[in-house]
Structures are given as C-alpha cells and as structure tokens.
Amino acid sequence: MTGREALLGAFDRLFDAAARKLNVVCTPEERAEAKEQFANRFDAALEVAKRADVGALPEEALAEMEAAINQLSPAELAGVIASIPLAQQTQEMLRALAFRQAEQRLLEHLAGQVDTRYGGN
C-alpha cells in the first residue's frame, strides 16, 4: 500500500467520525466529493506519499484522531469550519506575496547585471 492509499483510507474513517459527530448523513456522491476535495487540497503531500510503500496507519493513531474529533465542542467545530476559508485565502495571499518577492529579486538581479555589464553608476 502506498502512503497515498493509507492517507485516503484514514480520511474515509475520519470522515465517518466527523459525520457522526455532526449528525450528518452523506450520500455516496457527497462522500466521494469530499474525498476528492481533500485529495485536491493536499495533492502535493499525497504525491510525495504515493512514492512511499507503507502499511495502513496504526490503529492507535486512528483511534486517537477519532477521539479528538469526538471531543470537539460545538464552539471548536465552528472555529474549525470558520478557519477553512481563511486558511485558503491566507495561502493564496502568501503565494501572491512569494511571487512578488521572486519578481522583485529577479528585477534586482537583472538591474545589477546591467549596471555591471554596461558601466552603470
């Protein structure tokens, strides 16, 4: 089993725990969509995990994660749900900032080459 398969299997189990906690019944299509969204969101990590040959996640670790889900208070659940779009927006902002910084460094590098090559100030 690859690490990707192990993580996606763990997602299924933890999704079930979360659905029970929220008293939500999902259709197979909704469940598949949620899993696909998870896979898209964590694509880079899952690609790396795909290269690792591992067993399933340890039962104890999964049980601890399920227990953590079960112990969340309603306020904590609301906080987790509210943080998702903020985390996504923050990630986009950080990408844009990193891109601008890379552009700035490139421009500074090119300007330095022009000064050196063509006898600038």
Protein backbone atom coordinates (compact mmCIF):
# COMPACT_ATOMS: atom_id res chain seq x y z
CA MET A 1 0.00 0.00 0.00
CA THR A 2 1.29 3.46 -0.82
CA GLY A 3 1.29 6.31 1.65
CA ARG A 4 -1.35 7.99 -0.52
CA GLU A 5 -3.64 4.99 -0.20
CA ALA A 6 -3.07 4.85 3.55
CA LEU A 7 -3.93 8.54 3.98
CA LEU A 8 -7.02 8.31 1.81
CA GLY A 9 -8.15 5.26 3.78
CA ALA A 10 -7.64 7.19 7.01
CA PHE A 11 -9.65 10.06 5.54
CA ASP A 12 -12.59 7.70 4.99
CA ARG A 13 -12.56 6.60 8.60
CA LEU A 14 -12.13 10.11 9.99
CA PHE A 15 -14.82 11.43 7.64
CA ASP A 16 -17.21 8.90 9.13
CA ALA A 17 -16.27 10.01 12.65
CA ALA A 18 -16.80 13.66 11.74
CA ALA A 19 -20.14 12.93 10.07
CA ARG A 20 -21.31 11.09 13.20
CA LYS A 21 -20.16 13.99 15.39
CA LEU A 22 -22.12 16.44 13.25
CA ASN A 23 -25.12 14.11 12.89
CA VAL A 24 -24.78 14.38 9.12
CA VAL A 25 -25.84 11.71 6.65
CA CYS A 26 -23.99 11.94 3.34
CA THR A 27 -24.79 10.26 0.08
CA PRO A 28 -22.03 8.20 -1.52
CA GLU A 29 -21.65 11.00 -4.08
CA GLU A 30 -21.20 13.64 -1.36
CA ARG A 31 -18.68 11.44 0.41
CA ALA A 32 -16.75 10.90 -2.84
CA GLU A 33 -16.81 14.66 -3.50
CA ALA A 34 -15.47 15.38 0.00
CA LYS A 35 -12.68 12.85 -0.54
CA GLU A 36 -11.84 14.39 -3.91
CA GLN A 37 -11.70 17.86 -2.34
CA PHE A 38 -9.37 16.50 0.35
CA ALA A 39 -7.16 14.92 -2.32
CA ASN A 40 -7.07 18.18 -4.29
CA ARG A 41 -6.32 20.26 -1.21
CA PHE A 42 -3.44 18.01 -0.15
CA ASP A 43 -2.28 16.99 -3.63
CA ALA A 44 1.38 17.85 -3.07
CA ALA A 45 1.61 15.81 0.14
CA LEU A 46 -0.31 12.92 -1.40
CA GLU A 47 2.04 12.91 -4.40
CA VAL A 48 5.03 12.54 -2.09
CA ALA A 49 3.20 9.88 -0.06
CA LYS A 50 2.45 7.97 -3.26
CA ARG A 51 6.17 7.19 -3.56
CA ALA A 52 6.35 5.62 -0.08
CA ASP A 53 5.47 1.98 0.45
CA VAL A 54 3.80 1.80 3.88
CA GLY A 55 1.16 -0.09 5.75
CA ALA A 56 -2.11 1.32 6.94
CA LEU A 57 -1.93 4.00 9.60
CA PRO A 58 -1.64 2.42 13.05
CA GLU A 59 -4.97 1.63 14.68
CA GLU A 60 -3.92 3.54 17.82
CA ALA A 61 -3.23 6.69 15.81
CA LEU A 62 -6.57 6.50 14.03
CA ALA A 63 -8.37 5.85 17.31
CA GLU A 64 -6.71 8.93 18.83
CA MET A 65 -7.75 11.05 15.84
CA GLU A 66 -11.34 9.78 16.08
CA ALA A 67 -11.34 10.54 19.81
CA ALA A 68 -10.09 14.05 19.10
CA ILE A 69 -12.98 14.56 16.67
CA ASN A 70 -15.47 13.24 19.22
CA GLN A 71 -14.14 15.58 21.92
CA LEU A 72 -14.54 18.76 19.88
CA SER A 73 -17.05 21.15 21.38
CA PRO A 74 -19.60 22.94 19.19
CA ALA A 75 -17.56 26.14 19.51
CA GLU A 76 -14.39 24.33 18.44
CA LEU A 77 -16.23 22.84 15.46
CA ALA A 78 -17.42 26.30 14.47
CA GLY A 79 -13.85 27.58 14.78
CA VAL A 80 -12.50 24.79 12.58
CA ILE A 81 -15.16 25.41 9.94
CA ALA A 82 -14.57 29.17 10.03
CA SER A 83 -10.81 28.70 9.68
CA ILE A 84 -11.01 26.71 6.43
CA PRO A 85 -11.85 29.59 4.05
CA LEU A 86 -9.47 31.86 5.96
CA ALA A 87 -6.66 29.33 5.62
CA GLN A 88 -7.34 29.02 1.89
CA GLN A 89 -7.36 32.80 1.45
CA THR A 90 -4.18 33.15 3.51
CA GLN A 91 -2.48 30.53 1.37
CA GLU A 92 -3.42 32.43 -1.79
CA MET A 93 -2.16 35.70 -0.29
CA LEU A 94 1.14 34.07 0.68
CA ARG A 95 1.54 32.63 -2.83
CA ALA A 96 0.97 36.05 -4.35
CA LEU A 97 3.44 37.62 -1.92
CA ALA A 98 6.08 34.97 -2.65
CA PHE A 99 5.57 35.53 -6.38
CA ARG A 100 6.01 39.30 -5.99
CA GLN A 101 9.13 38.83 -3.91
CA ALA A 102 10.59 36.48 -6.53
CA GLU A 103 9.80 39.05 -9.24
CA GLN A 104 11.48 41.77 -7.19
CA ARG A 105 14.61 39.66 -6.67
CA LEU A 106 14.75 38.87 -10.38
CA LEU A 107 14.44 42.55 -11.28
CA GLU A 108 17.16 43.48 -8.78
CA HIS A 109 19.39 40.74 -10.17
CA LEU A 110 18.83 41.89 -13.76
CA ALA A 111 19.40 45.53 -12.79
CA GLY A 112 22.67 44.52 -11.10
CA GLN A 113 23.80 42.75 -14.25
CA VAL A 114 23.01 45.80 -16.38
CA ASP A 115 24.97 48.07 -14.03
CA THR A 116 27.96 45.74 -14.11
CA ARG A 117 27.88 44.88 -17.78
CA TYR A 118 27.21 48.34 -19.18
CA GLY A 119 29.14 50.50 -16.74
CA GLY A 120 26.22 51.90 -14.80
CA ASN A 121 26.57 54.42 -11.98
